[in-house]
Amino acid sequence: MRRARIRLATAATAAALALAALPAAAYAAAAPATAARTRHHQLQPSSQAIRQIPLQGAVNLRDVGGYSTYSGGQVRQGLVYRSDALGKLTATDITTVSGLGLTKVVDFRIPMELQYDGADRLPPGLSPTSRPVSDLGLYGTLVGAISSGDPVKQEQMLGGGRAEAYMRDVYRTFVTSPENRAQFAGTLREIADGGQGPLLYHCTSGKDRTGWMSYVLLRALGVPQETAGSDYLASNTFRAAYDAQVRAGLKQSGRMQNPDLLIPLQEVRQDYLDAATARMEADYGGFYGYLTDGLGLDLRTLAKLQNKLVR
């Protein structure tokens, strides 16, 4: 029995590493294609400048600033950053991140993700603040599906629209879970604090929990809903090359015959965002109600956000 448990743990670890902990070289290999997609995305007439910070060990680090607001202002740059996990940063990457002048890093990952992916690698003197946001067991489900190596089981767990339904459920909990709301609200209060320097928040892929946090922040600052949605969807642009490499590696290793089952989990989709906003409308009557009643932000905090981040 003990040997069986060891084999299972080893398989689970290997699966998680294959999915989420590829070496920095894999990021570097994906970088040229990612950079090309970034340039293309910035040329889209419907999007304003998205400031990606190119790294070898992370593909989705961006400045949240630069967007225009309804009032004619612009979100200040250099104050808030969003990212995927920072555990694979190279020495050069750490120097780049050091240049951002960060004074706080907020990590939305749950303990299981930290266990498999590893802690952030940050400049000296900077330690991450753990602020876990539930993924409804998604990471564990993913590890289980991959570690099984069984294509029938993987299809049963992720196929037939089940992966998409899982993602919609995860997004709804950004609104319905008091614990999740508290983590997002705490981060917004820190961002609003005039004494708080540049801040970065992230999860594993920098697209779901991080994507929702950014969507809420931008809308709270008066950025049009369509623009905030475009920022959310841009993760597909920045992550595409790396995520394709992950799928190719899983197929080559024999762990998955059909790694495309992972695509709904790797991508962000308007449908997922709509699941959260629909729940927000149902529970709080709209975005303002979510900010005030759901997140418990008072008018003073919302005004501080505006004063600090919009010029």
C-alpha atoms as a PDB file:
ATOM      1  CA  MET A   1       0.000   0.000   0.000  1.00  0.00           C
ATOM      2  CA  ARG A   2       2.819   2.383   0.910  1.00  0.00           C
ATOM      3  CA  ARG A   3       4.587   1.677  -2.398  1.00  0.00           C
ATOM      4  CA  ALA A   4       1.340   2.327  -4.266  1.00  0.00           C
ATOM      5  CA  ARG A   5       0.959   5.682  -2.544  1.00  0.00           C
ATOM      6  CA  ILE A   6       4.538   6.579  -3.425  1.00  0.00           C
ATOM      7  CA  ARG A   7       3.956   5.648  -7.082  1.00  0.00           C
ATOM      8  CA  LEU A   8       0.782   7.722  -7.182  1.00  0.00           C
ATOM      9  CA  ALA A   9       2.492  10.730  -5.618  1.00  0.00           C
ATOM     10  CA  THR A  10       5.380  10.409  -8.059  1.00  0.00           C
ATOM     11  CA  ALA A  11       3.026  10.223 -11.030  1.00  0.00           C
ATOM     12  CA  ALA A  12       1.052  13.210  -9.813  1.00  0.00           C
ATOM     13  CA  THR A  13       4.209  15.222  -9.323  1.00  0.00           C
ATOM     14  CA  ALA A  14       5.471  14.327 -12.785  1.00  0.00           C
ATOM     15  CA  ALA A  15       2.147  15.298 -14.334  1.00  0.00           C
ATOM     16  CA  ALA A  16       2.066  18.619 -12.555  1.00  0.00           C
ATOM     17  CA  LEU A  17       5.620  19.378 -13.555  1.00  0.00           C
ATOM     18  CA  ALA A  18       4.877  18.487 -17.153  1.00  0.00           C
ATOM     19  CA  LEU A  19       1.929  20.827 -17.197  1.00  0.00           C
ATOM     20  CA  ALA A  20       3.008  23.794 -15.135  1.00  0.00           C
ATOM     21  CA  ALA A  21       6.701  23.626 -14.352  1.00  0.00           C
ATOM     22  CA  LEU A  22       8.553  23.405 -17.623  1.00  0.00           C
ATOM     23  CA  PRO A  23      12.074  24.810 -17.352  1.00  0.00           C
ATOM     24  CA  ALA A  24      12.853  28.384 -18.214  1.00  0.00           C
ATOM     25  CA  ALA A  25      14.299  27.191 -21.524  1.00  0.00           C
ATOM     26  CA  ALA A  26      10.803  26.288 -22.637  1.00  0.00           C
ATOM     27  CA  TYR A  27       9.677  29.837 -21.980  1.00  0.00           C
ATOM     28  CA  ALA A  28      12.675  31.162 -23.845  1.00  0.00           C
ATOM     29  CA  ALA A  29      11.900  28.947 -26.828  1.00  0.00           C
ATOM     30  CA  ALA A  30       8.344  30.270 -26.877  1.00  0.00           C
ATOM     31  CA  ALA A  31       9.412  33.901 -26.548  1.00  0.00           C
ATOM     32  CA  PRO A  32       9.924  34.768 -30.252  1.00  0.00           C
ATOM     33  CA  ALA A  33       6.457  33.558 -31.220  1.00  0.00           C
ATOM     34  CA  THR A  34       4.965  35.265 -28.184  1.00  0.00           C
ATOM     35  CA  ALA A  35       6.678  38.538 -29.029  1.00  0.00           C
ATOM     36  CA  ALA A  36       5.317  38.394 -32.566  1.00  0.00           C
ATOM     37  CA  ARG A  37       1.814  37.817 -31.278  1.00  0.00           C
ATOM     38  CA  THR A  38       2.259  40.701 -28.821  1.00  0.00           C
ATOM     39  CA  ARG A  39       3.177  43.108 -31.600  1.00  0.00           C
ATOM     40  CA  HIS A  40       0.192  41.934 -33.633  1.00  0.00           C
ATOM     41  CA  HIS A  41      -2.142  42.348 -30.676  1.00  0.00           C
ATOM     42  CA  GLN A  42      -0.993  45.916 -30.082  1.00  0.00           C
ATOM     43  CA  LEU A  43      -1.872  46.777 -33.664  1.00  0.00           C
ATOM     44  CA  GLN A  44      -5.497  45.747 -33.228  1.00  0.00           C
ATOM     45  CA  PRO A  45      -7.644  48.905 -33.527  1.00  0.00           C
ATOM     46  CA  SER A  46      -9.931  47.803 -30.668  1.00  0.00           C
ATOM     47  CA  SER A  47      -7.089  47.526 -28.137  1.00  0.00           C
ATOM     48  CA  GLN A  48      -5.012  50.191 -26.494  1.00  0.00           C
ATOM     49  CA  ALA A  49      -1.329  49.608 -25.740  1.00  0.00           C
ATOM     50  CA  ILE A  50      -0.805  46.528 -23.583  1.00  0.00           C
ATOM     51  CA  ARG A  51       2.553  46.725 -21.865  1.00  0.00           C
ATOM     52  CA  GLN A  52       4.063  43.270 -21.643  1.00  0.00           C
ATOM     53  CA  ILE A  53       7.362  42.936 -19.802  1.00  0.00           C
ATOM     54  CA  PRO A  54       9.302  40.248 -21.735  1.00  0.00           C
ATOM     55  CA  LEU A  55      10.889  37.577 -19.556  1.00  0.00           C
ATOM     56  CA  GLN A  56      12.386  34.147 -20.146  1.00  0.00           C
ATOM     57  CA  GLY A  57      10.677  32.467 -17.196  1.00  0.00           C
ATOM     58  CA  ALA A  58       7.194  34.005 -17.412  1.00  0.00           C
ATOM     59  CA  VAL A  59       5.061  34.901 -20.420  1.00  0.00           C
ATOM     60  CA  ASN A  60       2.183  36.960 -19.049  1.00  0.00           C
ATOM     61  CA  LEU A  61       3.749  39.789 -17.020  1.00  0.00           C
ATOM     62  CA  ARG A  62       2.064  43.067 -17.914  1.00  0.00           C
ATOM     63  CA  ASP A  63       1.609  46.603 -16.676  1.00  0.00           C
ATOM     64  CA  VAL A  64      -2.066  47.151 -15.902  1.00  0.00           C
ATOM     65  CA  GLY A  65      -1.780  50.854 -16.766  1.00  0.00           C
ATOM     66  CA  GLY A  66      -2.075  52.710 -20.041  1.00  0.00           C
ATOM     67  CA  TYR A  67      -5.817  52.428 -20.655  1.00  0.00           C
ATOM     68  CA  SER A  68      -8.149  55.394 -21.166  1.00  0.00           C
ATOM     69  CA  THR A  69     -11.145  55.891 -18.902  1.00  0.00           C
ATOM     70  CA  TYR A  70     -14.674  57.147 -19.538  1.00  0.00           C
ATOM     71  CA  SER A  71     -13.744  60.477 -17.950  1.00  0.00           C
ATOM     72  CA  GLY A  72     -10.949  61.106 -20.445  1.00  0.00           C
ATOM     73  CA  GLY A  73      -8.213  60.188 -18.003  1.00  0.00           C
ATOM     74  CA  GLN A  74      -5.640  57.413 -18.298  1.00  0.00           C
ATOM     75  CA  VAL A  75      -4.609  54.662 -15.911  1.00  0.00           C
ATOM     76  CA  ARG A  76      -1.111  55.406 -14.652  1.00  0.00           C
ATOM     77  CA  GLN A  77       1.647  53.011 -15.598  1.00  0.00           C
ATOM     78  CA  GLY A  78       4.320  51.636 -13.306  1.00  0.00           C
ATOM     79  CA  LEU A  79       2.054  51.147 -10.288  1.00  0.00           C
ATOM     80  CA  VAL A  80       0.218  47.835 -10.762  1.00  0.00           C
ATOM     81  CA  TYR A  81       1.389  44.707 -12.569  1.00  0.00           C
ATOM     82  CA  ARG A  82      -0.238  41.349 -13.304  1.00  0.00           C
ATOM     83  CA  SER A  83       1.604  38.122 -14.064  1.00  0.00           C
ATOM     84  CA  ASP A  84       1.737  34.368 -14.247  1.00  0.00           C
ATOM     85  CA  ALA A  85       3.807  32.524 -11.616  1.00  0.00           C
ATOM     86  CA  LEU A  86       7.336  33.786 -11.042  1.00  0.00           C
ATOM     87  CA  GLY A  87       8.998  30.580  -9.882  1.00  0.00           C
ATOM     88  CA  LYS A  88      10.963  30.022 -13.101  1.00  0.00           C
ATOM     89  CA  LEU A  89      12.568  33.430 -13.436  1.00  0.00           C
ATOM     90  CA  THR A  90      16.158  33.491 -14.603  1.00  0.00           C
ATOM     91  CA  ALA A  91      18.810  35.721 -13.063  1.00  0.00           C
ATOM     92  CA  THR A  92      18.277  38.160 -15.940  1.00  0.00           C
ATOM     93  CA  ASP A  93      14.524  38.073 -15.322  1.00  0.00           C
ATOM     94  CA  ILE A  94      15.019  38.897 -11.659  1.00  0.00           C
ATOM     95  CA  THR A  95      17.088  41.930 -12.671  1.00  0.00           C
ATOM     96  CA  THR A  96      14.269  43.016 -14.989  1.00  0.00           C
ATOM     97  CA  VAL A  97      11.660  42.573 -12.254  1.00  0.00           C
ATOM     98  CA  SER A  98      13.886  44.466  -9.840  1.00  0.00           C
ATOM     99  CA  GLY A  99      13.718  47.405 -12.230  1.00  0.00           C
ATOM    100  CA  LEU A 100       9.941  47.612 -11.736  1.00  0.00           C
ATOM    101  CA  GLY A 101      10.493  48.865  -8.193  1.00  0.00           C
ATOM    102  CA  LEU A 102       7.959  46.488  -6.678  1.00  0.00           C
ATOM    103  CA  THR A 103       7.206  46.813  -2.989  1.00  0.00           C
ATOM    104  CA  LYS A 104       4.621  44.006  -2.799  1.00  0.00           C
ATOM    105  CA  VAL A 105       3.836  40.751  -4.623  1.00  0.00           C
ATOM    106  CA  VAL A 106       0.476  39.065  -4.014  1.00  0.00           C
ATOM    107  CA  ASP A 107       0.212  35.361  -4.851  1.00  0.00           C
ATOM    108  CA  PHE A 108      -3.315  34.026  -5.482  1.00  0.00           C
ATOM    109  CA  ARG A 109      -2.186  30.382  -5.784  1.00  0.00           C
ATOM    110  CA  ILE A 110      -3.442  27.677  -3.453  1.00  0.00           C
ATOM    111  CA  PRO A 111      -0.980  25.525  -1.420  1.00  0.00           C
ATOM    112  CA  MET A 112      -1.115  22.614  -3.891  1.00  0.00           C
ATOM    113  CA  GLU A 113       0.076  24.878  -6.702  1.00  0.00           C
ATOM    114  CA  LEU A 114       2.934  26.145  -4.576  1.00  0.00           C
ATOM    115  CA  GLN A 115       3.840  22.577  -3.657  1.00  0.00           C
ATOM    116  CA  TYR A 116       4.208  21.492  -7.281  1.00  0.00           C
ATOM    117  CA  ASP A 117       5.258  24.715  -8.991  1.00  0.00           C
ATOM    118  CA  GLY A 118       7.511  26.185  -6.326  1.00  0.00           C
ATOM    119  CA  ALA A 119       7.686  29.592  -4.690  1.00  0.00           C
ATOM    120  CA  ASP A 120       8.289  32.809  -6.575  1.00  0.00           C
ATOM    121  CA  ARG A 121      11.843  33.820  -7.373  1.00  0.00           C
ATOM    122  CA  LEU A 122      11.995  37.520  -6.553  1.00  0.00           C
ATOM    123  CA  PRO A 123      14.567  40.282  -6.152  1.00  0.00           C
ATOM    124  CA  PRO A 124      16.358  40.386  -2.775  1.00  0.00           C
ATOM    125  CA  GLY A 125      14.261  41.871   0.000  1.00  0.00           C
ATOM    126  CA  LEU A 126      10.935  41.089  -1.679  1.00  0.00           C
ATOM    127  CA  SER A 127       8.766  38.234  -0.361  1.00  0.00           C
ATOM    128  CA  PRO A 128       5.372  37.195  -1.755  1.00  0.00           C
ATOM    129  CA  THR A 129       2.187  37.627   0.252  1.00  0.00           C
ATOM    130  CA  SER A 130       0.095  34.453   0.024  1.00  0.00           C
ATOM    131  CA  ARG A 131      -3.546  35.289  -0.631  1.00  0.00           C
ATOM    132  CA  PRO A 132      -5.019  32.042  -2.022  1.00  0.00           C
ATOM    133  CA  VAL A 133      -8.146  32.163  -4.178  1.00  0.00           C
ATOM    134  CA  SER A 134      -9.934  28.827  -4.543  1.00  0.00           C
ATOM    135  CA  ASP A 135      -9.881  27.045  -7.893  1.00  0.00           C
ATOM    136  CA  LEU A 136     -12.635  24.591  -6.805  1.00  0.00           C
ATOM    137  CA  GLY A 137     -10.115  21.771  -6.963  1.00  0.00           C
ATOM    138  CA  LEU A 138      -9.319  22.390 -10.630  1.00  0.00           C
ATOM    139  CA  TYR A 139      -5.564  22.000 -10.209  1.00  0.00           C
ATOM    140  CA  GLY A 140      -5.983  18.697  -8.387  1.00  0.00           C
ATOM    141  CA  THR A 141      -8.435  17.465 -11.020  1.00  0.00           C
ATOM    142  CA  LEU A 142      -5.952  18.348 -13.723  1.00  0.00           C
ATOM    143  CA  VAL A 143      -3.108  16.561 -11.963  1.00  0.00           C
ATOM    144  CA  GLY A 144      -5.325  13.506 -11.520  1.00  0.00           C
ATOM    145  CA  ALA A 145      -6.385  13.439 -15.155  1.00  0.00           C
ATOM    146  CA  ILE A 146      -2.845  13.716 -16.499  1.00  0.00           C
ATOM    147  CA  SER A 147      -1.247  11.356 -13.994  1.00  0.00           C
ATOM    148  CA  SER A 148      -3.776   8.635 -14.844  1.00  0.00           C
ATOM    149  CA  GLY A 149      -2.296   8.364 -18.339  1.00  0.00           C
ATOM    150  CA  ASP A 150      -5.653   6.865 -19.312  1.00  0.00           C
ATOM    151  CA  PRO A 151      -7.170   8.478 -22.424  1.00  0.00           C
ATOM    152  CA  VAL A 152     -10.630   7.140 -21.591  1.00  0.00           C
ATOM    153  CA  LYS A 153     -10.521   8.583 -18.084  1.00  0.00           C
ATOM    154  CA  GLN A 154      -9.125  11.862 -19.385  1.00  0.00           C
ATOM    155  CA  GLU A 155     -11.980  12.134 -21.871  1.00  0.00           C
ATOM    156  CA  GLN A 156     -14.488  11.354 -19.131  1.00  0.00           C
ATOM    157  CA  MET A 157     -13.014  14.023 -16.860  1.00  0.00           C
ATOM    158  CA  LEU A 158     -12.352  16.810 -19.363  1.00  0.00           C
ATOM    159  CA  GLY A 159     -14.213  16.058 -22.599  1.00  0.00           C
ATOM    160  CA  GLY A 160     -17.759  16.705 -23.718  1.00  0.00           C
ATOM    161  CA  GLY A 161     -17.819  20.282 -22.446  1.00  0.00           C
ATOM    162  CA  ARG A 162     -16.929  19.267 -18.893  1.00  0.00           C
ATOM    163  CA  ALA A 163     -13.729  21.319 -18.799  1.00  0.00           C
ATOM    164  CA  GLU A 164     -15.603  24.404 -19.983  1.00  0.00           C
ATOM    165  CA  ALA A 165     -18.344  23.875 -17.394  1.00  0.00           C
ATOM    166  CA  TYR A 166     -15.680  23.534 -14.689  1.00  0.00           C
ATOM    167  CA  MET A 167     -14.155  26.850 -15.721  1.00  0.00           C
ATOM    168  CA  ARG A 168     -17.503  28.623 -15.600  1.00  0.00           C
ATOM    169  CA  ASP A 169     -18.041  27.273 -12.087  1.00  0.00           C
ATOM    170  CA  VAL A 170     -14.607  28.531 -11.024  1.00  0.00           C
ATOM    171  CA  TYR A 171     -15.403  32.015 -12.313  1.00  0.00           C
ATOM    172  CA  ARG A 172     -18.733  32.101 -10.492  1.00  0.00           C
ATOM    173  CA  THR A 173     -16.909  31.520  -7.207  1.00  0.00           C
ATOM    174  CA  PHE A 174     -15.009  34.771  -7.753  1.00  0.00           C
ATOM    175  CA  VAL A 175     -18.382  36.352  -6.993  1.00  0.00           C
ATOM    176  CA  THR A 176     -20.097  33.859  -4.687  1.00  0.00           C
ATOM    177  CA  SER A 177     -17.280  32.810  -2.327  1.00  0.00           C
ATOM    178  CA  PRO A 178     -16.849  35.121   0.693  1.00  0.00           C
ATOM    179  CA  GLU A 179     -13.244  33.913   1.059  1.00  0.00           C
ATOM    180  CA  ASN A 180     -12.423  34.720  -2.567  1.00  0.00           C
ATOM    181  CA  ARG A 181     -14.096  38.106  -2.356  1.00  0.00           C
ATOM    182  CA  ALA A 182     -12.037  38.910   0.730  1.00  0.00           C
ATOM    183  CA  GLN A 183      -8.783  38.171  -1.112  1.00  0.00           C
ATOM    184  CA  PHE A 184      -9.695  40.377  -4.064  1.00  0.00           C
ATOM    185  CA  ALA A 185     -10.962  43.141  -1.782  1.00  0.00           C
ATOM    186  CA  GLY A 186      -7.796  43.099   0.327  1.00  0.00           C
ATOM    187  CA  THR A 187      -5.683  43.481  -2.783  1.00  0.00           C
ATOM    188  CA  LEU A 188      -7.764  46.395  -4.061  1.00  0.00           C
ATOM    189  CA  ARG A 189      -7.451  48.154  -0.705  1.00  0.00           C
ATOM    190  CA  GLU A 190      -3.679  47.776  -0.828  1.00  0.00           C
ATOM    191  CA  ILE A 191      -3.560  49.106  -4.371  1.00  0.00           C
ATOM    192  CA  ALA A 192      -5.632  52.118  -3.250  1.00  0.00           C
ATOM    193  CA  ASP A 193      -3.328  52.853  -0.305  1.00  0.00           C
ATOM    194  CA  GLY A 194      -1.355  55.979  -1.075  1.00  0.00           C
ATOM    195  CA  GLY A 195       1.567  54.643   0.940  1.00  0.00           C
ATOM    196  CA  GLN A 196       1.770  51.421  -1.056  1.00  0.00           C
ATOM    197  CA  GLY A 197       4.393  51.388  -3.802  1.00  0.00           C
ATOM    198  CA  PRO A 198       4.219  49.395  -7.042  1.00  0.00           C
ATOM    199  CA  LEU A 199       2.374  46.110  -6.553  1.00  0.00           C
ATOM    200  CA  LEU A 200       2.188  42.895  -8.572  1.00  0.00           C
ATOM    201  CA  TYR A 201      -0.426  40.148  -8.228  1.00  0.00           C
ATOM    202  CA  HIS A 202      -0.417  36.769  -9.923  1.00  0.00           C
ATOM    203  CA  CYS A 203      -1.680  33.190  -9.979  1.00  0.00           C
ATOM    204  CA  THR A 204      -0.265  30.214 -11.909  1.00  0.00           C
ATOM    205  CA  SER A 205      -1.061  31.196 -15.496  1.00  0.00           C
ATOM    206  CA  GLY A 206      -1.921  34.829 -14.832  1.00  0.00           C
ATOM    207  CA  LYS A 207      -5.215  34.536 -16.650  1.00  0.00           C
ATOM    208  CA  ASP A 208      -8.193  33.486 -14.469  1.00  0.00           C
ATOM    209  CA  ARG A 209      -7.868  34.739 -10.882  1.00  0.00           C
ATOM    210  CA  THR A 210      -5.398  37.359 -12.077  1.00  0.00           C
ATOM    211  CA  GLY A 211      -7.585  38.101 -15.083  1.00  0.00           C
ATOM    212  CA  TRP A 212     -10.660  38.672 -12.924  1.00  0.00           C
ATOM    213  CA  MET A 213      -8.693  40.863 -10.504  1.00  0.00           C
ATOM    214  CA  SER A 214      -7.495  43.017 -13.409  1.00  0.00           C
ATOM    215  CA  TYR A 215     -10.953  43.202 -14.967  1.00  0.00           C
ATOM    216  CA  VAL A 216     -12.443  44.401 -11.672  1.00  0.00           C
ATOM    217  CA  LEU A 217      -9.647  46.909 -11.064  1.00  0.00           C
ATOM    218  CA  LEU A 218      -9.869  48.413 -14.538  1.00  0.00           C
ATOM    219  CA  ARG A 219     -13.626  48.765 -14.394  1.00  0.00           C
ATOM    220  CA  ALA A 220     -13.406  50.295 -10.922  1.00  0.00           C
ATOM    221  CA  LEU A 221     -11.073  52.898 -12.416  1.00  0.00           C
ATOM    222  CA  GLY A 222     -13.607  53.780 -15.102  1.00  0.00           C
ATOM    223  CA  VAL A 223     -12.053  51.845 -17.988  1.00  0.00           C
ATOM    224  CA  PRO A 224     -14.827  50.838 -20.418  1.00  0.00           C
ATOM    225  CA  GLN A 225     -16.131  47.298 -19.991  1.00  0.00           C
ATOM    226  CA  GLU A 226     -15.118  46.340 -23.533  1.00  0.00           C
ATOM    227  CA  THR A 227     -11.536  47.506 -22.964  1.00  0.00           C
ATOM    228  CA  ALA A 228     -11.295  45.690 -19.633  1.00  0.00           C
ATOM    229  CA  GLY A 229     -12.587  42.583 -21.399  1.00  0.00           C
ATOM    230  CA  SER A 230      -9.945  42.924 -24.108  1.00  0.00           C
ATOM    231  CA  ASP A 231      -7.228  43.060 -21.454  1.00  0.00           C
ATOM    232  CA  TYR A 232      -8.649  39.851 -19.972  1.00  0.00           C
ATOM    233  CA  LEU A 233      -8.742  38.063 -23.337  1.00  0.00           C
ATOM    234  CA  ALA A 234      -5.182  39.145 -24.197  1.00  0.00           C
ATOM    235  CA  SER A 235      -3.830  36.304 -22.042  1.00  0.00           C
ATOM    236  CA  ASN A 236      -4.607  33.993 -24.972  1.00  0.00           C
ATOM    237  CA  THR A 237      -2.182  36.020 -27.080  1.00  0.00           C
ATOM    238  CA  PHE A 238       0.645  35.944 -24.575  1.00  0.00           C
ATOM    239  CA  ARG A 239       0.244  32.327 -23.462  1.00  0.00           C
ATOM    240  CA  ALA A 240      -0.462  30.626 -26.810  1.00  0.00           C
ATOM    241  CA  ALA A 241       3.055  29.508 -27.739  1.00  0.00           C
ATOM    242  CA  TYR A 242       3.950  28.219 -24.285  1.00  0.00           C
ATOM    243  CA  ASP A 243       0.640  26.402 -23.791  1.00  0.00           C
ATOM    244  CA  ALA A 244       1.055  24.698 -27.162  1.00  0.00           C
ATOM    245  CA  GLN A 245       4.485  23.512 -26.031  1.00  0.00           C
ATOM    246  CA  VAL A 246       2.958  22.027 -22.887  1.00  0.00           C
ATOM    247  CA  ARG A 247       0.409  20.081 -24.940  1.00  0.00           C
ATOM    248  CA  ALA A 248       3.082  18.858 -27.334  1.00  0.00           C
ATOM    249  CA  GLY A 249       5.243  17.701 -24.423  1.00  0.00           C
ATOM    250  CA  LEU A 250       2.389  15.762 -22.836  1.00  0.00           C
ATOM    251  CA  LYS A 251       1.634  13.991 -26.109  1.00  0.00           C
ATOM    252  CA  GLN A 252       5.270  13.211 -26.790  1.00  0.00           C
ATOM    253  CA  SER A 253       5.712  11.804 -23.285  1.00  0.00           C
ATOM    254  CA  GLY A 254       2.685   9.545 -23.725  1.00  0.00           C
ATOM    255  CA  ARG A 255       0.795  11.052 -20.803  1.00  0.00           C
ATOM    256  CA  MET A 256      -2.018  12.281 -23.045  1.00  0.00           C
ATOM    257  CA  GLN A 257      -3.141  11.003 -26.414  1.00  0.00           C
ATOM    258  CA  ASN A 258      -5.397  14.012 -26.842  1.00  0.00           C
ATOM    259  CA  PRO A 259      -3.818  16.983 -25.058  1.00  0.00           C
ATOM    260  CA  ASP A 260      -6.272  19.301 -26.802  1.00  0.00           C
ATOM    261  CA  LEU A 261      -8.601  18.364 -23.956  1.00  0.00           C
ATOM    262  CA  LEU A 262      -6.575  20.907 -21.980  1.00  0.00           C
ATOM    263  CA  ILE A 263      -7.284  23.841 -24.291  1.00  0.00           C
ATOM    264  CA  PRO A 264     -10.465  24.963 -22.473  1.00  0.00           C
ATOM    265  CA  LEU A 265      -8.427  25.026 -19.243  1.00  0.00           C
ATOM    266  CA  GLN A 266      -5.467  26.823 -20.785  1.00  0.00           C
ATOM    267  CA  GLU A 267      -7.474  29.549 -22.496  1.00  0.00           C
ATOM    268  CA  VAL A 268      -9.503  32.476 -21.260  1.00  0.00           C
ATOM    269  CA  ARG A 269     -12.882  32.846 -22.913  1.00  0.00           C
ATOM    270  CA  GLN A 270     -15.605  35.444 -22.971  1.00  0.00           C
ATOM    271  CA  ASP A 271     -17.975  32.722 -21.859  1.00  0.00           C
ATOM    272  CA  TYR A 272     -16.043  32.305 -18.607  1.00  0.00           C
ATOM    273  CA  LEU A 273     -16.017  36.027 -17.911  1.00  0.00           C
ATOM    274  CA  ASP A 274     -19.736  36.177 -18.707  1.00  0.00           C
ATOM    275  CA  ALA A 275     -20.405  33.463 -16.117  1.00  0.00           C
ATOM    276  CA  ALA A 276     -18.866  35.669 -13.419  1.00  0.00           C
ATOM    277  CA  THR A 277     -20.547  38.889 -14.537  1.00  0.00           C
ATOM    278  CA  ALA A 278     -23.935  37.173 -14.829  1.00  0.00           C
ATOM    279  CA  ARG A 279     -23.547  35.919 -11.250  1.00  0.00           C
ATOM    280  CA  MET A 280     -22.544  39.430 -10.246  1.00  0.00           C
ATOM    281  CA  GLU A 281     -25.704  40.859 -11.788  1.00  0.00           C
ATOM    282  CA  ALA A 282     -27.858  38.224 -10.100  1.00  0.00           C
ATOM    283  CA  ASP A 283     -26.306  38.597  -6.644  1.00  0.00           C
ATOM    284  CA  TYR A 284     -25.496  42.299  -6.478  1.00  0.00           C
ATOM    285  CA  GLY A 285     -27.490  43.993  -9.221  1.00  0.00           C
ATOM    286  CA  GLY A 286     -24.413  44.994 -11.171  1.00  0.00           C
ATOM    287  CA  PHE A 287     -20.768  45.943 -10.951  1.00  0.00           C
ATOM    288  CA  TYR A 288     -21.149  48.751  -8.427  1.00  0.00           C
ATOM    289  CA  GLY A 289     -23.068  46.471  -6.083  1.00  0.00           C
ATOM    290  CA  TYR A 290     -20.303  43.876  -6.354  1.00  0.00           C
ATOM    291  CA  LEU A 291     -17.702  46.495  -5.426  1.00  0.00           C
ATOM    292  CA  THR A 292     -19.607  47.894  -2.452  1.00  0.00           C
ATOM    293  CA  ASP A 293     -21.721  45.015  -1.128  1.00  0.00           C
ATOM    294  CA  GLY A 294     -19.703  42.068  -2.425  1.00  0.00           C
ATOM    295  CA  LEU A 295     -16.177  43.341  -1.832  1.00  0.00           C
ATOM    296  CA  GLY A 296     -17.086  45.761   0.948  1.00  0.00           C
ATOM    297  CA  LEU A 297     -15.298  48.721  -0.628  1.00  0.00           C
ATOM    298  CA  ASP A 298     -16.548  52.095   0.583  1.00  0.00           C
ATOM    299  CA  LEU A 299     -16.694  55.269  -1.483  1.00  0.00           C
ATOM    300  CA  ARG A 300     -13.524  56.582   0.156  1.00  0.00           C
ATOM    301  CA  THR A 301     -11.524  53.545  -1.003  1.00  0.00           C
ATOM    302  CA  LEU A 302     -12.936  53.805  -4.530  1.00  0.00           C
ATOM    303  CA  ALA A 303     -12.019  57.496  -4.601  1.00  0.00           C
ATOM    304  CA  LYS A 304      -8.487  56.680  -3.419  1.00  0.00           C
ATOM    305  CA  LEU A 305      -8.170  54.179  -6.271  1.00  0.00           C
ATOM    306  CA  GLN A 306      -9.141  56.865  -8.748  1.00  0.00           C
ATOM    307  CA  ASN A 307      -6.869  59.512  -7.260  1.00  0.00           C
ATOM    308  CA  LYS A 308      -3.868  57.226  -7.148  1.00  0.00           C
ATOM    309  CA  LEU A 309      -4.181  55.421 -10.460  1.00  0.00           C
ATOM    310  CA  VAL A 310      -5.951  57.762 -12.892  1.00  0.00           C
ATOM    311  CA  ARG A 311      -4.350  60.886 -14.276  1.00  0.00           C
END
